[in-house]
Amino acid sequence: MKNLLTDNPVALQALMSETIFSTGFSVQEEASSSVSNASITPQPSVSTGSAEEFIYQGDKSTGVLFILRYPEYPYFSPQAEEAFVKTIGALQLTPHNVAVVNLANAHNPNDFKRIMQFFQPKKITLLGVEPASLKLPAIAHNSYMKGKIATVFNTFSFEEMFVDVQKKKLFWGEFRTFIGS
């Protein structure tokens, strides 16, 4: 099969909405699995108490944190949310067992130390957020930096991956290794 190359945004959107990876399960294994594959709309974990320093969605106790900056949306654009759910679903994760924080929300501090104290993550994925904006050392795209407590994976936003299929492929190759480690 030849490589398909396009810069048409509609075609790229269609390509990004397709699953291009495998979880290693057969259809029979998935059918017999006790895990439901029902579509889930994540609800933000918003607390009105003073103890909650961040507005986020999901579960911070799992140690997996996604940091993004979408000023136009509470978390993701509709297309990015769909791609996010499919991507993490391929690794047996759901929006309910990871934490997602949007730093564009004025309530959320853009302070890495406070993020670490509040979420206590082990794996952090920066989706289009520049490490320098959090006063982190430079981390190349699709690379990670291992710290004493957590590993930070710096990658592209889903919008960047929608328009550049090569970025999507690079992301997926590193992301599944990062989450699996």
Foldseek 3Di string as FASTA:
>chain_A
DDDDDDQDLVVLLVVLLDDPDALPDDPVRVVPDPDDPDDDDWDWDDDPDPVDQATKTADLVLQAEEEEADLVDQFDDVSLVSSVQSLVVSVVDGRHHYIYGHPSPPSHDLEVVVVCVRSVHAEYEYAQDAVVSNPHPHADAQGWDHDPRHIYHYHYHVVVCSSPVVSVVSNSVSVSVRVVD
